Amino acid sequence: MTDDTEMMMPEHGSFVWNELNTWDVEAAKAFYGQTLGWTFEAMPLEDDAGTYWVALADGEMVAGIFAMTSPDFDGVPAHWFAYVEVDDVDVRAALVEEAGGTVIRPPFDVAGVGRIAIVKAPDGSVLGWITSDEE
């Protein structure tokens, strides 16, 4: 049994985060603020890569908003993107190609968040995998 004050790590295989990837962050913030009552906190990205917005519901983090600005996103419509917790993102990403998938973005670190990879399953569906930092 854990103490209520003790932070529990997410379980392997569980969805842990949702992120809106959008071309128009201000319009998204206005829409979700008005319709869901979300408020937003700015989180500067590393290397002056812009701002990531954390959406809050009653003061609790519920989602993120990422601005699609680079040519890597040309032709990609705004969309919600999900992340699943994995026990070791490097080990799991190494299994992707053998299972018929593609590693779109190899594992990389996000300070204060964890280690992330973006993978595509054989059916074309794309998902983020994360090994969260222990806090």
N, C-alpha and C. Protein backbone atom coordinates (compact mmCIF):
# COMPACT_ATOMS: atom_id res chain seq x y z
N MET A 1 0.85 -1.17 0.00
CA MET A 1 0.00 0.00 0.00
C MET A 1 0.90 1.23 0.00
N THR A 2 0.54 2.25 -0.79
CA THR A 2 1.36 3.45 -0.83
C THR A 2 0.71 4.57 -0.04
N ASP A 3 1.54 5.42 0.46
CA ASP A 3 1.09 6.60 1.17
C ASP A 3 0.49 7.57 0.14
N ASP A 4 -0.59 8.27 0.48
CA ASP A 4 -1.23 9.19 -0.46
C ASP A 4 -0.31 10.30 -0.92
N THR A 5 0.69 10.64 -0.13
CA THR A 5 1.60 11.71 -0.51
C THR A 5 2.70 11.22 -1.44
N GLU A 6 2.84 9.93 -1.58
CA GLU A 6 3.88 9.36 -2.43
C GLU A 6 3.40 9.35 -3.88
N MET A 7 4.23 9.87 -4.79
CA MET A 7 3.89 9.92 -6.20
C MET A 7 4.13 8.54 -6.82
N MET A 8 3.12 8.00 -7.49
CA MET A 8 3.27 6.70 -8.12
C MET A 8 3.69 6.88 -9.58
N MET A 9 4.60 6.05 -10.04
CA MET A 9 5.01 6.08 -11.44
C MET A 9 3.91 5.46 -12.28
N PRO A 10 3.71 5.98 -13.48
CA PRO A 10 2.70 5.38 -14.36
C PRO A 10 3.07 3.94 -14.69
N GLU A 11 2.07 3.14 -14.97
CA GLU A 11 2.30 1.73 -15.30
C GLU A 11 2.66 1.55 -16.77
N HIS A 12 3.56 0.61 -17.03
CA HIS A 12 3.94 0.26 -18.40
C HIS A 12 2.68 -0.07 -19.19
N GLY A 13 2.57 0.52 -20.37
CA GLY A 13 1.44 0.23 -21.26
C GLY A 13 0.24 1.12 -21.06
N SER A 14 0.29 2.05 -20.11
CA SER A 14 -0.87 2.91 -19.88
C SER A 14 -0.70 4.26 -20.57
N PHE A 15 -1.82 4.82 -21.04
CA PHE A 15 -1.79 6.15 -21.63
C PHE A 15 -1.53 7.16 -20.53
N VAL A 16 -0.59 8.08 -20.77
CA VAL A 16 -0.21 9.02 -19.72
C VAL A 16 -0.30 10.49 -20.12
N TRP A 17 -0.42 10.81 -21.39
CA TRP A 17 -0.44 12.20 -21.79
C TRP A 17 -1.10 12.35 -23.14
N ASN A 18 -1.80 13.47 -23.32
CA ASN A 18 -2.39 13.83 -24.60
C ASN A 18 -1.92 15.22 -24.96
N GLU A 19 -1.65 15.40 -26.24
CA GLU A 19 -1.08 16.67 -26.70
C GLU A 19 -1.75 17.08 -28.00
N LEU A 20 -2.15 18.33 -28.06
CA LEU A 20 -2.69 18.88 -29.30
C LEU A 20 -1.54 19.45 -30.10
N ASN A 21 -1.37 18.97 -31.31
CA ASN A 21 -0.40 19.52 -32.25
C ASN A 21 -1.19 20.40 -33.19
N THR A 22 -0.90 21.71 -33.21
CA THR A 22 -1.73 22.64 -33.96
C THR A 22 -0.90 23.72 -34.63
N TRP A 23 -1.45 24.27 -35.70
CA TRP A 23 -0.83 25.39 -36.39
C TRP A 23 -1.21 26.71 -35.73
N ASP A 24 -2.29 26.74 -34.96
CA ASP A 24 -2.79 27.98 -34.37
C ASP A 24 -3.03 27.80 -32.88
N VAL A 25 -1.98 27.98 -32.10
CA VAL A 25 -2.05 27.78 -30.65
C VAL A 25 -3.05 28.72 -30.00
N GLU A 26 -3.04 29.97 -30.39
CA GLU A 26 -3.94 30.95 -29.75
C GLU A 26 -5.41 30.60 -29.99
N ALA A 27 -5.74 30.15 -31.19
CA ALA A 27 -7.13 29.75 -31.47
C ALA A 27 -7.50 28.51 -30.64
N ALA A 28 -6.56 27.58 -30.51
CA ALA A 28 -6.82 26.37 -29.72
C ALA A 28 -7.02 26.72 -28.25
N LYS A 29 -6.17 27.59 -27.71
CA LYS A 29 -6.31 28.00 -26.32
C LYS A 29 -7.65 28.71 -26.10
N ALA A 30 -8.04 29.56 -27.03
CA ALA A 30 -9.32 30.26 -26.90
C ALA A 30 -10.49 29.27 -26.93
N PHE A 31 -10.44 28.30 -27.85
CA PHE A 31 -11.53 27.32 -27.98
C PHE A 31 -11.65 26.45 -26.73
N TYR A 32 -10.54 25.84 -26.30
CA TYR A 32 -10.61 24.94 -25.15
C TYR A 32 -10.81 25.69 -23.84
N GLY A 33 -10.33 26.91 -23.78
CA GLY A 33 -10.58 27.73 -22.60
C GLY A 33 -12.07 28.05 -22.47
N GLN A 34 -12.69 28.42 -23.60
CA GLN A 34 -14.11 28.78 -23.58
C GLN A 34 -15.02 27.56 -23.41
N THR A 35 -14.69 26.46 -24.06
CA THR A 35 -15.59 25.30 -24.03
C THR A 35 -15.36 24.36 -22.85
N LEU A 36 -14.10 24.22 -22.40
CA LEU A 36 -13.79 23.29 -21.32
C LEU A 36 -13.36 23.98 -20.03
N GLY A 37 -13.14 25.28 -20.11
CA GLY A 37 -12.70 26.01 -18.93
C GLY A 37 -11.23 25.83 -18.59
N TRP A 38 -10.47 25.29 -19.55
CA TRP A 38 -9.05 25.09 -19.31
C TRP A 38 -8.33 26.43 -19.19
N THR A 39 -7.29 26.46 -18.37
CA THR A 39 -6.35 27.56 -18.33
C THR A 39 -5.01 27.02 -18.82
N PHE A 40 -4.08 27.91 -19.07
CA PHE A 40 -2.84 27.48 -19.72
C PHE A 40 -1.62 28.11 -19.07
N GLU A 41 -0.55 27.32 -18.96
CA GLU A 41 0.73 27.80 -18.46
C GLU A 41 1.78 27.57 -19.54
N ALA A 42 2.60 28.59 -19.74
CA ALA A 42 3.68 28.49 -20.73
C ALA A 42 4.85 27.71 -20.15
N MET A 43 5.44 26.86 -21.00
CA MET A 43 6.64 26.12 -20.64
C MET A 43 7.63 26.31 -21.80
N PRO A 44 8.66 27.13 -21.61
CA PRO A 44 9.62 27.36 -22.70
C PRO A 44 10.29 26.06 -23.12
N LEU A 45 10.43 25.87 -24.43
CA LEU A 45 11.12 24.70 -24.96
C LEU A 45 12.62 24.97 -24.98
N GLU A 46 13.41 23.91 -24.94
CA GLU A 46 14.86 24.04 -24.97
C GLU A 46 15.32 24.63 -26.30
N ASP A 47 16.50 25.23 -26.28
CA ASP A 47 17.14 25.79 -27.48
C ASP A 47 16.28 26.84 -28.16
N ASP A 48 15.51 27.61 -27.38
CA ASP A 48 14.66 28.67 -27.93
C ASP A 48 13.74 28.16 -29.04
N ALA A 49 13.23 26.95 -28.87
CA ALA A 49 12.37 26.33 -29.88
C ALA A 49 10.91 26.73 -29.72
N GLY A 50 10.64 27.77 -28.96
CA GLY A 50 9.26 28.22 -28.80
C GLY A 50 8.72 27.89 -27.42
N THR A 51 7.39 27.82 -27.36
CA THR A 51 6.70 27.59 -26.10
C THR A 51 5.77 26.41 -26.21
N TYR A 52 5.79 25.57 -25.21
CA TYR A 52 4.85 24.46 -25.06
C TYR A 52 3.83 24.94 -24.04
N TRP A 53 2.56 24.71 -24.30
CA TRP A 53 1.51 25.15 -23.39
C TRP A 53 0.92 23.96 -22.66
N VAL A 54 0.88 24.04 -21.35
CA VAL A 54 0.27 23.00 -20.52
C VAL A 54 -1.15 23.45 -20.20
N ALA A 55 -2.12 22.60 -20.52
CA ALA A 55 -3.53 22.89 -20.23
C ALA A 55 -3.86 22.38 -18.83
N LEU A 56 -4.58 23.20 -18.08
CA LEU A 56 -4.94 22.86 -16.71
C LEU A 56 -6.46 22.87 -16.55
N ALA A 57 -6.97 21.87 -15.83
CA ALA A 57 -8.38 21.82 -15.45
C ALA A 57 -8.41 21.83 -13.93
N ASP A 58 -9.00 22.85 -13.37
CA ASP A 58 -9.02 23.00 -11.90
C ASP A 58 -7.61 22.89 -11.31
N GLY A 59 -6.64 23.47 -12.01
CA GLY A 59 -5.27 23.50 -11.51
C GLY A 59 -4.46 22.24 -11.77
N GLU A 60 -5.08 21.21 -12.34
CA GLU A 60 -4.38 19.94 -12.62
C GLU A 60 -4.01 19.86 -14.10
N MET A 61 -2.78 19.41 -14.39
CA MET A 61 -2.34 19.25 -15.78
C MET A 61 -3.18 18.16 -16.46
N VAL A 62 -3.75 18.49 -17.62
CA VAL A 62 -4.57 17.51 -18.34
C VAL A 62 -4.09 17.26 -19.76
N ALA A 63 -3.33 18.20 -20.34
CA ALA A 63 -2.91 18.04 -21.73
C ALA A 63 -1.85 19.09 -22.05
N GLY A 64 -1.30 18.97 -23.23
CA GLY A 64 -0.35 19.96 -23.71
C GLY A 64 -0.74 20.45 -25.08
N ILE A 65 -0.21 21.61 -25.45
CA ILE A 65 -0.42 22.15 -26.79
C ILE A 65 0.95 22.46 -27.38
N PHE A 66 1.20 21.87 -28.54
CA PHE A 66 2.47 22.02 -29.24
C PHE A 66 2.21 22.73 -30.56
N ALA A 67 2.98 23.78 -30.83
CA ALA A 67 2.85 24.51 -32.09
C ALA A 67 3.62 23.80 -33.20
N MET A 68 2.92 23.46 -34.26
CA MET A 68 3.58 22.86 -35.43
C MET A 68 4.11 24.02 -36.27
N THR A 69 5.42 24.18 -36.30
CA THR A 69 5.99 25.31 -37.03
C THR A 69 7.06 24.90 -38.04
N SER A 70 7.64 23.75 -37.87
CA SER A 70 8.75 23.36 -38.74
C SER A 70 8.24 22.72 -40.03
N PRO A 71 9.07 22.72 -41.05
CA PRO A 71 8.70 22.07 -42.31
C PRO A 71 8.39 20.58 -42.15
N ASP A 72 8.84 19.97 -41.05
CA ASP A 72 8.54 18.56 -40.80
C ASP A 72 7.04 18.31 -40.75
N PHE A 73 6.28 19.35 -40.45
CA PHE A 73 4.82 19.20 -40.30
C PHE A 73 4.04 19.66 -41.52
N ASP A 74 4.71 20.10 -42.58
CA ASP A 74 4.00 20.57 -43.77
C ASP A 74 2.98 19.52 -44.23
N GLY A 75 1.76 19.95 -44.43
CA GLY A 75 0.69 19.07 -44.89
C GLY A 75 0.02 18.28 -43.80
N VAL A 76 0.48 18.39 -42.56
CA VAL A 76 -0.11 17.64 -41.45
C VAL A 76 -1.20 18.51 -40.81
N PRO A 77 -2.41 17.99 -40.73
CA PRO A 77 -3.48 18.77 -40.08
C PRO A 77 -3.31 18.77 -38.57
N ALA A 78 -3.92 19.74 -37.91
CA ALA A 78 -3.94 19.76 -36.45
C ALA A 78 -4.54 18.44 -35.97
N HIS A 79 -4.00 17.92 -34.86
CA HIS A 79 -4.47 16.62 -34.37
C HIS A 79 -4.08 16.43 -32.91
N TRP A 80 -4.83 15.58 -32.23
CA TRP A 80 -4.48 15.16 -30.87
C TRP A 80 -3.52 13.99 -30.97
N PHE A 81 -2.52 13.96 -30.09
CA PHE A 81 -1.49 12.94 -30.10
C PHE A 81 -1.34 12.37 -28.69
N ALA A 82 -1.28 11.06 -28.57
CA ALA A 82 -1.23 10.40 -27.26
C ALA A 82 0.14 9.79 -27.00
N TYR A 83 0.46 9.66 -25.70
CA TYR A 83 1.70 9.04 -25.25
C TYR A 83 1.38 7.89 -24.30
N VAL A 84 2.14 6.79 -24.45
CA VAL A 84 2.00 5.62 -23.59
C VAL A 84 3.29 5.43 -22.81
N GLU A 85 3.15 5.14 -21.53
CA GLU A 85 4.30 4.87 -20.67
C GLU A 85 4.88 3.50 -21.02
N VAL A 86 6.21 3.44 -21.15
CA VAL A 86 6.90 2.16 -21.35
C VAL A 86 8.03 2.05 -20.34
N ASP A 87 8.37 0.83 -19.99
CA ASP A 87 9.37 0.60 -18.95
C ASP A 87 10.77 1.04 -19.35
N ASP A 88 11.13 0.94 -20.63
CA ASP A 88 12.44 1.37 -21.12
C ASP A 88 12.29 1.71 -22.60
N VAL A 89 12.18 3.00 -22.89
CA VAL A 89 11.89 3.43 -24.25
C VAL A 89 12.97 2.99 -25.25
N ASP A 90 14.22 2.94 -24.83
CA ASP A 90 15.28 2.51 -25.75
C ASP A 90 15.13 1.04 -26.12
N VAL A 91 14.88 0.20 -25.12
CA VAL A 91 14.70 -1.23 -25.36
C VAL A 91 13.45 -1.47 -26.22
N ARG A 92 12.36 -0.80 -25.89
CA ARG A 92 11.11 -0.99 -26.64
C ARG A 92 11.23 -0.50 -28.07
N ALA A 93 11.89 0.66 -28.28
CA ALA A 93 12.05 1.19 -29.63
C ALA A 93 12.89 0.25 -30.50
N ALA A 94 13.83 -0.47 -29.88
CA ALA A 94 14.66 -1.41 -30.63
C ALA A 94 13.85 -2.60 -31.16
N LEU A 95 12.66 -2.82 -30.62
CA LEU A 95 11.81 -3.94 -31.05
C LEU A 95 10.86 -3.57 -32.19
N VAL A 96 10.74 -2.28 -32.48
CA VAL A 96 9.72 -1.79 -33.40
C VAL A 96 9.87 -2.34 -34.82
N GLU A 97 11.05 -2.24 -35.41
CA GLU A 97 11.23 -2.67 -36.80
C GLU A 97 11.01 -4.16 -36.96
N GLU A 98 11.49 -4.95 -36.02
CA GLU A 98 11.29 -6.40 -36.08
C GLU A 98 9.81 -6.75 -36.05
N ALA A 99 9.02 -5.91 -35.40
CA ALA A 99 7.58 -6.15 -35.30
C ALA A 99 6.82 -5.54 -36.48
N GLY A 100 7.54 -4.98 -37.46
CA GLY A 100 6.91 -4.46 -38.66
C GLY A 100 6.61 -2.98 -38.62
N GLY A 101 7.05 -2.29 -37.58
CA GLY A 101 6.80 -0.86 -37.46
C GLY A 101 8.00 -0.02 -37.87
N THR A 102 7.89 1.27 -37.62
CA THR A 102 8.94 2.22 -37.97
C THR A 102 9.16 3.16 -36.78
N VAL A 103 10.40 3.41 -36.47
CA VAL A 103 10.71 4.43 -35.47
C VAL A 103 10.80 5.75 -36.23
N ILE A 104 9.83 6.62 -36.00
CA ILE A 104 9.80 7.91 -36.69
C ILE A 104 10.80 8.88 -36.07
N ARG A 105 10.86 8.88 -34.76
CA ARG A 105 11.83 9.72 -34.05
C ARG A 105 12.46 8.86 -32.96
N PRO A 106 13.75 8.58 -33.09
CA PRO A 106 14.43 7.74 -32.09
C PRO A 106 14.35 8.38 -30.70
N PRO A 107 14.58 7.59 -29.66
CA PRO A 107 14.49 8.11 -28.30
C PRO A 107 15.32 9.38 -28.08
N PHE A 108 14.70 10.33 -27.40
CA PHE A 108 15.34 11.60 -27.06
C PHE A 108 14.85 12.03 -25.69
N ASP A 109 15.63 12.87 -25.04
CA ASP A 109 15.31 13.31 -23.69
C ASP A 109 14.57 14.64 -23.70
N VAL A 110 13.60 14.77 -22.80
CA VAL A 110 12.93 16.03 -22.54
C VAL A 110 13.14 16.32 -21.06
N ALA A 111 13.89 17.37 -20.77
CA ALA A 111 14.27 17.70 -19.40
C ALA A 111 13.05 17.81 -18.49
N GLY A 112 13.11 17.11 -17.36
CA GLY A 112 12.05 17.17 -16.38
C GLY A 112 10.82 16.36 -16.73
N VAL A 113 10.83 15.70 -17.89
CA VAL A 113 9.67 14.92 -18.35
C VAL A 113 10.03 13.45 -18.48
N GLY A 114 11.03 13.15 -19.31
CA GLY A 114 11.43 11.76 -19.52
C GLY A 114 12.09 11.56 -20.87
N ARG A 115 12.13 10.33 -21.29
CA ARG A 115 12.73 9.95 -22.57
C ARG A 115 11.62 9.47 -23.48
N ILE A 116 11.58 10.01 -24.69
CA ILE A 116 10.44 9.81 -25.60
C ILE A 116 10.92 9.26 -26.94
N ALA A 117 10.09 8.42 -27.57
CA ALA A 117 10.27 8.00 -28.96
C ALA A 117 8.92 8.10 -29.64
N ILE A 118 8.93 8.36 -30.93
CA ILE A 118 7.70 8.39 -31.73
C ILE A 118 7.77 7.20 -32.68
N VAL A 119 6.75 6.34 -32.62
CA VAL A 119 6.76 5.12 -33.42
C VAL A 119 5.50 5.00 -34.27
N LYS A 120 5.65 4.26 -35.36
CA LYS A 120 4.51 4.00 -36.25
C LYS A 120 4.32 2.49 -36.35
N ALA A 121 3.11 2.05 -36.06
CA ALA A 121 2.77 0.62 -36.15
C ALA A 121 2.59 0.22 -37.61
N PRO A 122 2.57 -1.08 -37.90
CA PRO A 122 2.42 -1.53 -39.28
C PRO A 122 1.14 -1.01 -39.97
N ASP A 123 0.10 -0.70 -39.19
CA ASP A 123 -1.14 -0.20 -39.79
C ASP A 123 -1.08 1.30 -40.10
N GLY A 124 0.04 1.95 -39.75
CA GLY A 124 0.21 3.37 -40.02
C GLY A 124 -0.11 4.28 -38.84
N SER A 125 -0.65 3.72 -37.76
CA SER A 125 -0.98 4.56 -36.60
C SER A 125 0.31 4.98 -35.90
N VAL A 126 0.32 6.21 -35.40
CA VAL A 126 1.50 6.79 -34.78
C VAL A 126 1.21 7.05 -33.31
N LEU A 127 2.21 6.79 -32.46
CA LEU A 127 2.03 6.92 -31.02
C LEU A 127 3.36 7.33 -30.39
N GLY A 128 3.28 8.12 -29.33
CA GLY A 128 4.46 8.45 -28.57
C GLY A 128 4.65 7.46 -27.44
N TRP A 129 5.88 7.04 -27.23
CA TRP A 129 6.21 6.18 -26.09
C TRP A 129 7.11 6.99 -25.18
N ILE A 130 6.89 6.90 -23.88
CA ILE A 130 7.67 7.67 -22.92
C ILE A 130 8.06 6.82 -21.72
N THR A 131 9.30 6.98 -21.29
CA THR A 131 9.73 6.48 -20.00
C THR A 131 9.87 7.74 -19.14
N SER A 132 8.91 7.94 -18.26
CA SER A 132 8.87 9.16 -17.46
C SER A 132 10.03 9.25 -16.49
N ASP A 133 10.50 10.49 -16.28
CA ASP A 133 11.50 10.72 -15.25
C ASP A 133 10.89 10.38 -13.90
N GLU A 134 11.67 9.79 -13.04
CA GLU A 134 11.20 9.54 -11.66
C GLU A 134 11.38 10.83 -10.89
N GLU A 135 10.31 11.25 -10.24
CA GLU A 135 10.39 12.51 -9.49
C GLU A 135 10.22 12.23 -8.03
